[in-house]
C-alpha cells in the first residue's frame, strides 16, 4: 500500500502512494482514495 497519516504539532500529515497502477488505482472508489477521504474526514 504505502499510504498512512500522522500528526505534527497542530497539523495533520498524509502520505500517499502516487504509483497508482501498482496499488489498484487512485480514482474515486479505489482503496487509497477511499482511505484518504475517510482519513481526512476523521481528522480534527
ModelCIF file with pLDDT and N, C-alpha, C, O atoms, coordinates in Angstrom:
data_MODEL
#
_entry.id   MODEL 
#
_entity.id                         1 
_entity.type                       polymer 
_entity.pdbx_number_of_molecules   1 
#
_entity_poly.entity_id                      1 
_entity_poly.type                           'polypeptide(L)' 
_entity_poly.nstd_linkage                   no 
_entity_poly.nstd_monomer                   no 
_entity_poly.pdbx_seq_one_letter_code       
;(UNK)(UNK)(UNK)(UNK)(UNK)(UNK)(UNK)(UNK)(UNK)(UNK)(UNK)(UNK)(UNK)(UNK)(UNK)(UNK)
(UNK)(UNK)(UNK)(UNK)(UNK)(UNK)(UNK)(UNK)(UNK)(UNK)(UNK)(UNK)(UNK)(UNK)(UNK)(UNK)
(UNK)(UNK)(UNK)(UNK)(UNK)(UNK)(UNK)(UNK)(UNK)(UNK)(UNK)(UNK)
;
_entity_poly.pdbx_seq_one_letter_code_can   XXXXXXXXXXXXXXXXXXXXXXXXXXXXXXXXXXXXXXXXXXXX 
_entity_poly.pdbx_strand_id                 A 
#
loop_
_entity_poly_seq.entity_id 
_entity_poly_seq.num 
_entity_poly_seq.mon_id 
_entity_poly_seq.hetero 
1 1  UNK n 
1 2  UNK n 
1 3  UNK n 
1 4  UNK n 
1 5  UNK n 
1 6  UNK n 
1 7  UNK n 
1 8  UNK n 
1 9  UNK n 
1 10 UNK n 
1 11 UNK n 
1 12 UNK n 
1 13 UNK n 
1 14 UNK n 
1 15 UNK n 
1 16 UNK n 
1 17 UNK n 
1 18 UNK n 
1 19 UNK n 
1 20 UNK n 
1 21 UNK n 
1 22 UNK n 
1 23 UNK n 
1 24 UNK n 
1 25 UNK n 
1 26 UNK n 
1 27 UNK n 
1 28 UNK n 
1 29 UNK n 
1 30 UNK n 
1 31 UNK n 
1 32 UNK n 
1 33 UNK n 
1 34 UNK n 
1 35 UNK n 
1 36 UNK n 
1 37 UNK n 
1 38 UNK n 
1 39 UNK n 
1 40 UNK n 
1 41 UNK n 
1 42 UNK n 
1 43 UNK n 
1 44 UNK n 
#
_struct_asym.id          A 
_struct_asym.entity_id   1 
#
loop_
_ma_qa_metric.id 
_ma_qa_metric.mode 
_ma_qa_metric.name 
_ma_qa_metric.software_group_id 
_ma_qa_metric.type 
1 global pLDDT . pLDDT 
2 local  pLDDT . pLDDT 
#
_ma_qa_metric_global.metric_id      1 
_ma_qa_metric_global.metric_value   97.70 
_ma_qa_metric_global.model_id       1 
_ma_qa_metric_global.ordinal_id     1 
#
loop_
_ma_qa_metric_local.label_asym_id 
_ma_qa_metric_local.label_comp_id 
_ma_qa_metric_local.label_seq_id 
_ma_qa_metric_local.metric_id 
_ma_qa_metric_local.metric_value 
_ma_qa_metric_local.model_id 
_ma_qa_metric_local.ordinal_id 
A UNK 1  2 98.00 1 1  
A UNK 2  2 98.00 1 2  
A UNK 3  2 98.00 1 3  
A UNK 4  2 98.00 1 4  
A UNK 5  2 98.00 1 5  
A UNK 6  2 98.00 1 6  
A UNK 7  2 98.00 1 7  
A UNK 8  2 98.00 1 8  
A UNK 9  2 97.00 1 9  
A UNK 10 2 97.00 1 10 
A UNK 11 2 98.00 1 11 
A UNK 12 2 98.00 1 12 
A UNK 13 2 98.00 1 13 
A UNK 14 2 98.00 1 14 
A UNK 15 2 98.00 1 15 
A UNK 16 2 98.00 1 16 
A UNK 17 2 98.00 1 17 
A UNK 18 2 98.00 1 18 
A UNK 19 2 98.00 1 19 
A UNK 20 2 98.00 1 20 
A UNK 21 2 97.00 1 21 
A UNK 22 2 97.00 1 22 
A UNK 23 2 97.00 1 23 
A UNK 24 2 96.00 1 24 
A UNK 25 2 97.00 1 25 
A UNK 26 2 98.00 1 26 
A UNK 27 2 97.00 1 27 
A UNK 28 2 97.00 1 28 
A UNK 29 2 97.00 1 29 
A UNK 30 2 98.00 1 30 
A UNK 31 2 98.00 1 31 
A UNK 32 2 98.00 1 32 
A UNK 33 2 98.00 1 33 
A UNK 34 2 98.00 1 34 
A UNK 35 2 98.00 1 35 
A UNK 36 2 98.00 1 36 
A UNK 37 2 98.00 1 37 
A UNK 38 2 98.00 1 38 
A UNK 39 2 98.00 1 39 
A UNK 40 2 98.00 1 40 
A UNK 41 2 98.00 1 41 
A UNK 42 2 98.00 1 42 
A UNK 43 2 98.00 1 43 
A UNK 44 2 96.00 1 44 
#
loop_
_atom_site.group_PDB 
_atom_site.id 
_atom_site.type_symbol 
_atom_site.label_atom_id 
_atom_site.label_alt_id 
_atom_site.label_comp_id 
_atom_site.label_asym_id 
_atom_site.label_entity_id 
_atom_site.label_seq_id 
_atom_site.pdbx_PDB_ins_code 
_atom_site.Cartn_x 
_atom_site.Cartn_y 
_atom_site.Cartn_z 
_atom_site.occupancy 
_atom_site.B_iso_or_equiv 
_atom_site.pdbx_formal_charge 
_atom_site.auth_seq_id 
_atom_site.auth_comp_id 
_atom_site.auth_asym_id 
_atom_site.auth_atom_id 
_atom_site.pdbx_PDB_model_num 
ATOM 1   N N  . UNK A 1 1  ? 0.844   -1.192 0.000   1.00 98.00 ? 1  UNK A N  1 
ATOM 2   C CA . UNK A 1 1  ? 0.000   0.000  0.000   1.00 98.00 ? 1  UNK A CA 1 
ATOM 3   C C  . UNK A 1 1  ? 0.889   1.254  0.000   1.00 98.00 ? 1  UNK A C  1 
ATOM 4   O O  . UNK A 1 1  ? 1.044   1.908  -1.031  1.00 98.00 ? 1  UNK A O  1 
ATOM 5   N N  . UNK A 1 2  ? 1.465   1.580  1.156   1.00 98.00 ? 2  UNK A N  1 
ATOM 6   C CA . UNK A 1 2  ? 2.380   2.717  1.223   1.00 98.00 ? 2  UNK A CA 1 
ATOM 7   C C  . UNK A 1 2  ? 1.717   4.036  1.544   1.00 98.00 ? 2  UNK A C  1 
ATOM 8   O O  . UNK A 1 2  ? 2.330   5.088  1.362   1.00 98.00 ? 2  UNK A O  1 
ATOM 9   N N  . UNK A 1 3  ? 0.464   4.013  2.023   1.00 98.00 ? 3  UNK A N  1 
ATOM 10  C CA . UNK A 1 3  ? -0.163  5.253  2.465   1.00 98.00 ? 3  UNK A CA 1 
ATOM 11  C C  . UNK A 1 3  ? -0.439  5.180  3.956   1.00 98.00 ? 3  UNK A C  1 
ATOM 12  O O  . UNK A 1 3  ? -0.705  4.104  4.492   1.00 98.00 ? 3  UNK A O  1 
ATOM 13  N N  . UNK A 1 4  ? -0.375  6.329  4.629   1.00 98.00 ? 4  UNK A N  1 
ATOM 14  C CA . UNK A 1 4  ? -0.550  6.389  6.070   1.00 98.00 ? 4  UNK A CA 1 
ATOM 15  C C  . UNK A 1 4  ? -0.679  7.861  6.452   1.00 98.00 ? 4  UNK A C  1 
ATOM 16  O O  . UNK A 1 4  ? -0.532  8.735  5.597   1.00 98.00 ? 4  UNK A O  1 
ATOM 17  N N  . UNK A 1 5  ? -0.947  8.140  7.709   1.00 98.00 ? 5  UNK A N  1 
ATOM 18  C CA . UNK A 1 5  ? -1.052  9.531  8.166   1.00 98.00 ? 5  UNK A CA 1 
ATOM 19  C C  . UNK A 1 5  ? -0.552  9.642  9.597   1.00 98.00 ? 5  UNK A C  1 
ATOM 20  O O  . UNK A 1 5  ? -0.430  8.644  10.307  1.00 98.00 ? 5  UNK A O  1 
ATOM 21  N N  . UNK A 1 6  ? -0.266  10.864 10.008  1.00 98.00 ? 6  UNK A N  1 
ATOM 22  C CA . UNK A 1 6  ? 0.217   11.152 11.359  1.00 98.00 ? 6  UNK A CA 1 
ATOM 23  C C  . UNK A 1 6  ? 0.025   12.639 11.602  1.00 98.00 ? 6  UNK A C  1 
ATOM 24  O O  . UNK A 1 6  ? -0.367  13.373 10.695  1.00 98.00 ? 6  UNK A O  1 
ATOM 25  N N  . UNK A 1 7  ? 0.296   13.083 12.811  1.00 98.00 ? 7  UNK A N  1 
ATOM 26  C CA . UNK A 1 7  ? 0.166   14.493 13.165  1.00 98.00 ? 7  UNK A CA 1 
ATOM 27  C C  . UNK A 1 7  ? 1.532   15.060 13.554  1.00 98.00 ? 7  UNK A C  1 
ATOM 28  O O  . UNK A 1 7  ? 2.354   14.375 14.163  1.00 98.00 ? 7  UNK A O  1 
ATOM 29  N N  . UNK A 1 8  ? 1.752   16.303 13.195  1.00 98.00 ? 8  UNK A N  1 
ATOM 30  C CA . UNK A 1 8  ? 2.948   17.051 13.613  1.00 98.00 ? 8  UNK A CA 1 
ATOM 31  C C  . UNK A 1 8  ? 2.463   18.367 14.196  1.00 98.00 ? 8  UNK A C  1 
ATOM 32  O O  . UNK A 1 8  ? 1.902   19.191 13.475  1.00 98.00 ? 8  UNK A O  1 
ATOM 33  N N  . UNK A 1 9  ? 2.668   18.574 15.475  1.00 97.00 ? 9  UNK A N  1 
ATOM 34  C CA . UNK A 1 9  ? 2.134   19.764 16.116  1.00 97.00 ? 9  UNK A CA 1 
ATOM 35  C C  . UNK A 1 9  ? 0.624   19.799 15.970  1.00 97.00 ? 9  UNK A C  1 
ATOM 36  O O  . UNK A 1 9  ? -0.060  18.830 16.302  1.00 97.00 ? 9  UNK A O  1 
ATOM 37  N N  . UNK A 1 10 ? 0.106   20.906 15.477  1.00 97.00 ? 10 UNK A N  1 
ATOM 38  C CA . UNK A 1 10 ? -1.339  21.047 15.294  1.00 97.00 ? 10 UNK A CA 1 
ATOM 39  C C  . UNK A 1 10 ? -1.782  20.623 13.903  1.00 97.00 ? 10 UNK A C  1 
ATOM 40  O O  . UNK A 1 10 ? -2.965  20.722 13.576  1.00 97.00 ? 10 UNK A O  1 
ATOM 41  N N  . UNK A 1 11 ? -0.854  20.151 13.079  1.00 98.00 ? 11 UNK A N  1 
ATOM 42  C CA . UNK A 1 11 ? -1.153  19.806 11.690  1.00 98.00 ? 11 UNK A CA 1 
ATOM 43  C C  . UNK A 1 11 ? -1.350  18.302 11.513  1.00 98.00 ? 11 UNK A C  1 
ATOM 44  O O  . UNK A 1 11 ? -0.775  17.495 12.243  1.00 98.00 ? 11 UNK A O  1 
ATOM 45  N N  . UNK A 1 12 ? -2.172  17.947 10.533  1.00 98.00 ? 12 UNK A N  1 
ATOM 46  C CA . UNK A 1 12 ? -2.321  16.567 10.090  1.00 98.00 ? 12 UNK A CA 1 
ATOM 47  C C  . UNK A 1 12 ? -1.476  16.379 8.830   1.00 98.00 ? 12 UNK A C  1 
ATOM 48  O O  . UNK A 1 12 ? -1.415  17.273 7.986   1.00 98.00 ? 12 UNK A O  1 
ATOM 49  N N  . UNK A 1 13 ? -0.831  15.230 8.700   1.00 98.00 ? 13 UNK A N  1 
ATOM 50  C CA . UNK A 1 13 ? 0.051   14.948 7.568   1.00 98.00 ? 13 UNK A CA 1 
ATOM 51  C C  . UNK A 1 13 ? -0.374  13.627 6.939   1.00 98.00 ? 13 UNK A C  1 
ATOM 52  O O  . UNK A 1 13 ? -0.558  12.632 7.640   1.00 98.00 ? 13 UNK A O  1 
ATOM 53  N N  . UNK A 1 14 ? -0.530  13.617 5.615   1.00 98.00 ? 14 UNK A N  1 
ATOM 54  C CA . UNK A 1 14 ? -0.998  12.439 4.891   1.00 98.00 ? 14 UNK A CA 1 
ATOM 55  C C  . UNK A 1 14 ? 0.055   12.030 3.870   1.00 98.00 ? 14 UNK A C  1 
ATOM 56  O O  . UNK A 1 14 ? 0.449   12.837 3.028   1.00 98.00 ? 14 UNK A O  1 
ATOM 57  N N  . UNK A 1 15 ? 0.512   10.788 3.936   1.00 98.00 ? 15 UNK A N  1 
ATOM 58  C CA . UNK A 1 15 ? 1.464   10.229 2.984   1.00 98.00 ? 15 UNK A CA 1 
ATOM 59  C C  . UNK A 1 15 ? 0.711   9.340  2.003   1.00 98.00 ? 15 UNK A C  1 
ATOM 60  O O  . UNK A 1 15 ? -0.071  8.483  2.413   1.00 98.00 ? 15 UNK A O  1 
ATOM 61  N N  . UNK A 1 16 ? 0.948   9.543  0.698   1.00 98.00 ? 16 UNK A N  1 
ATOM 62  C CA . UNK A 1 16 ? 0.212   8.819  -0.330  1.00 98.00 ? 16 UNK A CA 1 
ATOM 63  C C  . UNK A 1 16 ? 1.166   8.111  -1.287  1.00 98.00 ? 16 UNK A C  1 
ATOM 64  O O  . UNK A 1 16 ? 2.335   8.477  -1.409  1.00 98.00 ? 16 UNK A O  1 
ATOM 65  N N  . UNK A 1 17 ? 0.643   7.095  -1.958  1.00 98.00 ? 17 UNK A N  1 
ATOM 66  C CA . UNK A 1 17 ? 1.401   6.358  -2.968  1.00 98.00 ? 17 UNK A CA 1 
ATOM 67  C C  . UNK A 1 17 ? 0.857   6.748  -4.340  1.00 98.00 ? 17 UNK A C  1 
ATOM 68  O O  . UNK A 1 17 ? -0.242  6.346  -4.723  1.00 98.00 ? 17 UNK A O  1 
ATOM 69  N N  . UNK A 1 18 ? 1.644   7.537  -5.073  1.00 98.00 ? 18 UNK A N  1 
ATOM 70  C CA . UNK A 1 18 ? 1.194   8.018  -6.378  1.00 98.00 ? 18 UNK A CA 1 
ATOM 71  C C  . UNK A 1 18 ? 1.537   7.068  -7.521  1.00 98.00 ? 18 UNK A C  1 
ATOM 72  O O  . UNK A 1 18 ? 1.296   7.395  -8.683  1.00 98.00 ? 18 UNK A O  1 
ATOM 73  N N  . UNK A 1 19 ? 2.090   5.904  -7.214  1.00 98.00 ? 19 UNK A N  1 
ATOM 74  C CA . UNK A 1 19 ? 2.303   4.859  -8.217  1.00 98.00 ? 19 UNK A CA 1 
ATOM 75  C C  . UNK A 1 19 ? 0.995   4.090  -8.360  1.00 98.00 ? 19 UNK A C  1 
ATOM 76  O O  . UNK A 1 19 ? 0.879   2.943  -7.927  1.00 98.00 ? 19 UNK A O  1 
ATOM 77  N N  . UNK A 1 20 ? 0.027   4.738  -8.970  1.00 98.00 ? 20 UNK A N  1 
ATOM 78  C CA . UNK A 1 20 ? -1.363  4.302  -8.871  1.00 98.00 ? 20 UNK A CA 1 
ATOM 79  C C  . UNK A 1 20 ? -1.591  2.919  -9.471  1.00 98.00 ? 20 UNK A C  1 
ATOM 80  O O  . UNK A 1 20 ? -2.373  2.136  -8.933  1.00 98.00 ? 20 UNK A O  1 
ATOM 81  N N  . UNK A 1 21 ? -0.920  2.609  -10.577 1.00 97.00 ? 21 UNK A N  1 
ATOM 82  C CA . UNK A 1 21 ? -1.134  1.314  -11.223 1.00 97.00 ? 21 UNK A CA 1 
ATOM 83  C C  . UNK A 1 21 ? -0.714  0.153  -10.328 1.00 97.00 ? 21 UNK A C  1 
ATOM 84  O O  . UNK A 1 21 ? -1.215  -0.961 -10.478 1.00 97.00 ? 21 UNK A O  1 
ATOM 85  N N  . UNK A 1 22 ? 0.202   0.412  -9.397  1.00 97.00 ? 22 UNK A N  1 
ATOM 86  C CA . UNK A 1 22 ? 0.710   -0.659 -8.527  1.00 97.00 ? 22 UNK A CA 1 
ATOM 87  C C  . UNK A 1 22 ? -0.182  -0.927 -7.331  1.00 97.00 ? 22 UNK A C  1 
ATOM 88  O O  . UNK A 1 22 ? -0.007  -1.928 -6.637  1.00 97.00 ? 22 UNK A O  1 
ATOM 89  N N  . UNK A 1 23 ? -1.164  -0.018 -7.075  1.00 97.00 ? 23 UNK A N  1 
ATOM 90  C CA . UNK A 1 23 ? -1.961  -0.137 -5.841  1.00 97.00 ? 23 UNK A CA 1 
ATOM 91  C C  . UNK A 1 23 ? -3.463  -0.079 -6.111  1.00 97.00 ? 23 UNK A C  1 
ATOM 92  O O  . UNK A 1 23 ? -4.233  0.358  -5.256  1.00 97.00 ? 23 UNK A O  1 
ATOM 93  N N  . UNK A 1 24 ? -3.878  -0.516 -7.290  1.00 96.00 ? 24 UNK A N  1 
ATOM 94  C CA . UNK A 1 24 ? -5.310  -0.578 -7.563  1.00 96.00 ? 24 UNK A CA 1 
ATOM 95  C C  . UNK A 1 24 ? -5.920  0.732  -7.998  1.00 96.00 ? 24 UNK A C  1 
ATOM 96  O O  . UNK A 1 24 ? -7.131  0.919  -7.882  1.00 96.00 ? 24 UNK A O  1 
ATOM 97  N N  . UNK A 1 25 ? -5.092  1.657  -8.505  1.00 97.00 ? 25 UNK A N  1 
ATOM 98  C CA . UNK A 1 25 ? -5.590  2.923  -8.996  1.00 97.00 ? 25 UNK A CA 1 
ATOM 99  C C  . UNK A 1 25 ? -5.705  3.968  -7.909  1.00 97.00 ? 25 UNK A C  1 
ATOM 100 O O  . UNK A 1 25 ? -5.579  3.677  -6.719  1.00 97.00 ? 25 UNK A O  1 
ATOM 101 N N  . UNK A 1 26 ? -5.951  5.211  -8.354  1.00 98.00 ? 26 UNK A N  1 
ATOM 102 C CA . UNK A 1 26 ? -6.103  6.340  -7.424  1.00 98.00 ? 26 UNK A CA 1 
ATOM 103 C C  . UNK A 1 26 ? -7.417  7.076  -7.643  1.00 98.00 ? 26 UNK A C  1 
ATOM 104 O O  . UNK A 1 26 ? -7.641  8.134  -7.056  1.00 98.00 ? 26 UNK A O  1 
ATOM 105 N N  . UNK A 1 27 ? -8.283  6.528  -8.479  1.00 97.00 ? 27 UNK A N  1 
ATOM 106 C CA . UNK A 1 27 ? -9.530  7.195  -8.794  1.00 97.00 ? 27 UNK A CA 1 
ATOM 107 C C  . UNK A 1 27 ? -10.585 7.015  -7.731  1.00 97.00 ? 27 UNK A C  1 
ATOM 108 O O  . UNK A 1 27 ? -10.364 6.326  -6.736  1.00 97.00 ? 27 UNK A O  1 
ATOM 109 N N  . UNK A 1 28 ? -11.739 7.635  -7.940  1.00 97.00 ? 28 UNK A N  1 
ATOM 110 C CA . UNK A 1 28 ? -12.845 7.501  -6.975  1.00 97.00 ? 28 UNK A CA 1 
ATOM 111 C C  . UNK A 1 28 ? -13.197 6.039  -6.719  1.00 97.00 ? 28 UNK A C  1 
ATOM 112 O O  . UNK A 1 28 ? -13.372 5.253  -7.649  1.00 97.00 ? 28 UNK A O  1 
ATOM 113 N N  . UNK A 1 29 ? -13.297 5.697  -5.449  1.00 97.00 ? 29 UNK A N  1 
ATOM 114 C CA . UNK A 1 29 ? -13.642 4.338  -5.069  1.00 97.00 ? 29 UNK A CA 1 
ATOM 115 C C  . UNK A 1 29 ? -12.481 3.380  -4.984  1.00 97.00 ? 29 UNK A C  1 
ATOM 116 O O  . UNK A 1 29 ? -12.657 2.245  -4.543  1.00 97.00 ? 29 UNK A O  1 
ATOM 117 N N  . UNK A 1 30 ? -11.282 3.807  -5.398  1.00 98.00 ? 30 UNK A N  1 
ATOM 118 C CA . UNK A 1 30 ? -10.106 2.950  -5.251  1.00 98.00 ? 30 UNK A CA 1 
ATOM 119 C C  . UNK A 1 30 ? -9.769  2.808  -3.774  1.00 98.00 ? 30 UNK A C  1 
ATOM 120 O O  . UNK A 1 30 ? -10.174 3.641  -2.964  1.00 98.00 ? 30 UNK A O  1 
ATOM 121 N N  . UNK A 1 31 ? -9.031  1.760  -3.415  1.00 98.00 ? 31 UNK A N  1 
ATOM 122 C CA . UNK A 1 31 ? -8.714  1.571  -1.987  1.00 98.00 ? 31 UNK A CA 1 
ATOM 123 C C  . UNK A 1 31 ? -8.035  2.786  -1.360  1.00 98.00 ? 31 UNK A C  1 
ATOM 124 O O  . UNK A 1 31 ? -8.376  3.177  -0.244  1.00 98.00 ? 31 UNK A O  1 
ATOM 125 N N  . UNK A 1 32 ? -7.077  3.385  -2.067  1.00 98.00 ? 32 UNK A N  1 
ATOM 126 C CA . UNK A 1 32 ? -6.357  4.522  -1.474  1.00 98.00 ? 32 UNK A CA 1 
ATOM 127 C C  . UNK A 1 32 ? -7.242  5.762  -1.391  1.00 98.00 ? 32 UNK A C  1 
ATOM 128 O O  . UNK A 1 32 ? -7.231  6.454  -0.374  1.00 98.00 ? 32 UNK A O  1 
ATOM 129 N N  . UNK A 1 33 ? -8.012  6.056  -2.446  1.00 98.00 ? 33 UNK A N  1 
ATOM 130 C CA . UNK A 1 33 ? -8.865  7.235  -2.425  1.00 98.00 ? 33 UNK A CA 1 
ATOM 131 C C  . UNK A 1 33 ? -9.936  7.113  -1.357  1.00 98.00 ? 33 UNK A C  1 
ATOM 132 O O  . UNK A 1 33 ? -10.271 8.093  -0.692  1.00 98.00 ? 33 UNK A O  1 
ATOM 133 N N  . UNK A 1 34 ? -10.473 5.916  -1.193  1.00 98.00 ? 34 UNK A N  1 
ATOM 134 C CA . UNK A 1 34 ? -11.472 5.688  -0.148  1.00 98.00 ? 34 UNK A CA 1 
ATOM 135 C C  . UNK A 1 34 ? -10.869 5.899  1.226   1.00 98.00 ? 34 UNK A C  1 
ATOM 136 O O  . UNK A 1 34 ? -11.470 6.541  2.087   1.00 98.00 ? 34 UNK A O  1 
ATOM 137 N N  . UNK A 1 35 ? -9.661  5.347  1.430   1.00 98.00 ? 35 UNK A N  1 
ATOM 138 C CA . UNK A 1 35 ? -8.963  5.544  2.716   1.00 98.00 ? 35 UNK A CA 1 
ATOM 139 C C  . UNK A 1 35 ? -8.683  7.018  2.954   1.00 98.00 ? 35 UNK A C  1 
ATOM 140 O O  . UNK A 1 35 ? -8.875  7.517  4.063   1.00 98.00 ? 35 UNK A O  1 
ATOM 141 N N  . UNK A 1 36 ? -8.224  7.727  1.908   1.00 98.00 ? 36 UNK A N  1 
ATOM 142 C CA . UNK A 1 36 ? -7.855  9.128  2.051   1.00 98.00 ? 36 UNK A CA 1 
ATOM 143 C C  . UNK A 1 36 ? -9.043  9.970  2.493   1.00 98.00 ? 36 UNK A C  1 
ATOM 144 O O  . UNK A 1 36 ? -8.920  10.782 3.410   1.00 98.00 ? 36 UNK A O  1 
ATOM 145 N N  . UNK A 1 37 ? -10.179 9.785  1.857   1.00 98.00 ? 37 UNK A N  1 
ATOM 146 C CA . UNK A 1 37 ? -11.349 10.577 2.240   1.00 98.00 ? 37 UNK A CA 1 
ATOM 147 C C  . UNK A 1 37 ? -11.767 10.285 3.679   1.00 98.00 ? 37 UNK A C  1 
ATOM 148 O O  . UNK A 1 37 ? -12.151 11.195 4.413   1.00 98.00 ? 37 UNK A O  1 
ATOM 149 N N  . UNK A 1 38 ? -11.693 9.033  4.075   1.00 98.00 ? 38 UNK A N  1 
ATOM 150 C CA . UNK A 1 38 ? -12.063 8.679  5.450   1.00 98.00 ? 38 UNK A CA 1 
ATOM 151 C C  . UNK A 1 38 ? -11.067 9.264  6.444   1.00 98.00 ? 38 UNK A C  1 
ATOM 152 O O  . UNK A 1 38 ? -11.458 9.750  7.505   1.00 98.00 ? 38 UNK A O  1 
ATOM 153 N N  . UNK A 1 39 ? -9.791  9.217  6.105   1.00 98.00 ? 39 UNK A N  1 
ATOM 154 C CA . UNK A 1 39 ? -8.761  9.755  6.999   1.00 98.00 ? 39 UNK A CA 1 
ATOM 155 C C  . UNK A 1 39 ? -8.925  11.256 7.174   1.00 98.00 ? 39 UNK A C  1 
ATOM 156 O O  . UNK A 1 39 ? -8.847  11.760 8.295   1.00 98.00 ? 39 UNK A O  1 
ATOM 157 N N  . UNK A 1 40 ? -9.150  11.968 6.091   1.00 98.00 ? 40 UNK A N  1 
ATOM 158 C CA . UNK A 1 40 ? -9.306  13.420 6.177   1.00 98.00 ? 40 UNK A CA 1 
ATOM 159 C C  . UNK A 1 40 ? -10.573 13.795 6.944   1.00 98.00 ? 40 UNK A C  1 
ATOM 160 O O  . UNK A 1 40 ? -10.589 14.771 7.694   1.00 98.00 ? 40 UNK A O  1 
ATOM 161 N N  . UNK A 1 41 ? -11.622 13.016 6.750   1.00 98.00 ? 41 UNK A N  1 
ATOM 162 C CA . UNK A 1 41 ? -12.874 13.295 7.464   1.00 98.00 ? 41 UNK A CA 1 
ATOM 163 C C  . UNK A 1 41 ? -12.725 13.068 8.959   1.00 98.00 ? 41 UNK A C  1 
ATOM 164 O O  . UNK A 1 41 ? -13.372 13.745 9.758   1.00 98.00 ? 41 UNK A O  1 
ATOM 165 N N  . UNK A 1 42 ? -11.874 12.117 9.347   1.00 98.00 ? 42 UNK A N  1 
ATOM 166 C CA . UNK A 1 42 ? -11.708 11.784 10.759  1.00 98.00 ? 42 UNK A CA 1 
ATOM 167 C C  . UNK A 1 42 ? -10.774 12.736 11.489  1.00 98.00 ? 42 UNK A C  1 
ATOM 168 O O  . UNK A 1 42 ? -10.774 12.776 12.720  1.00 98.00 ? 42 UNK A O  1 
ATOM 169 N N  . UNK A 1 43 ? -9.981  13.502 10.753  1.00 98.00 ? 43 UNK A N  1 
ATOM 170 C CA . UNK A 1 43 ? -9.009  14.401 11.388  1.00 98.00 ? 43 UNK A CA 1 
ATOM 171 C C  . UNK A 1 43 ? -9.701  15.651 11.901  1.00 98.00 ? 43 UNK A C  1 
ATOM 172 O O  . UNK A 1 43 ? -10.557 16.223 11.227  1.00 98.00 ? 43 UNK A O  1 
ATOM 173 N N  . UNK A 1 44 ? -9.321  16.071 13.104  1.00 96.00 ? 44 UNK A N  1 
ATOM 174 C CA . UNK A 1 44 ? -9.844  17.311 13.681  1.00 96.00 ? 44 UNK A CA 1 
ATOM 175 C C  . UNK A 1 44 ? -8.894  18.485 13.478  1.00 96.00 ? 44 UNK A C  1 
ATOM 176 O O  . UNK A 1 44 ? -9.191  19.600 13.907  1.00 96.00 ? 44 UNK A O  1 
#
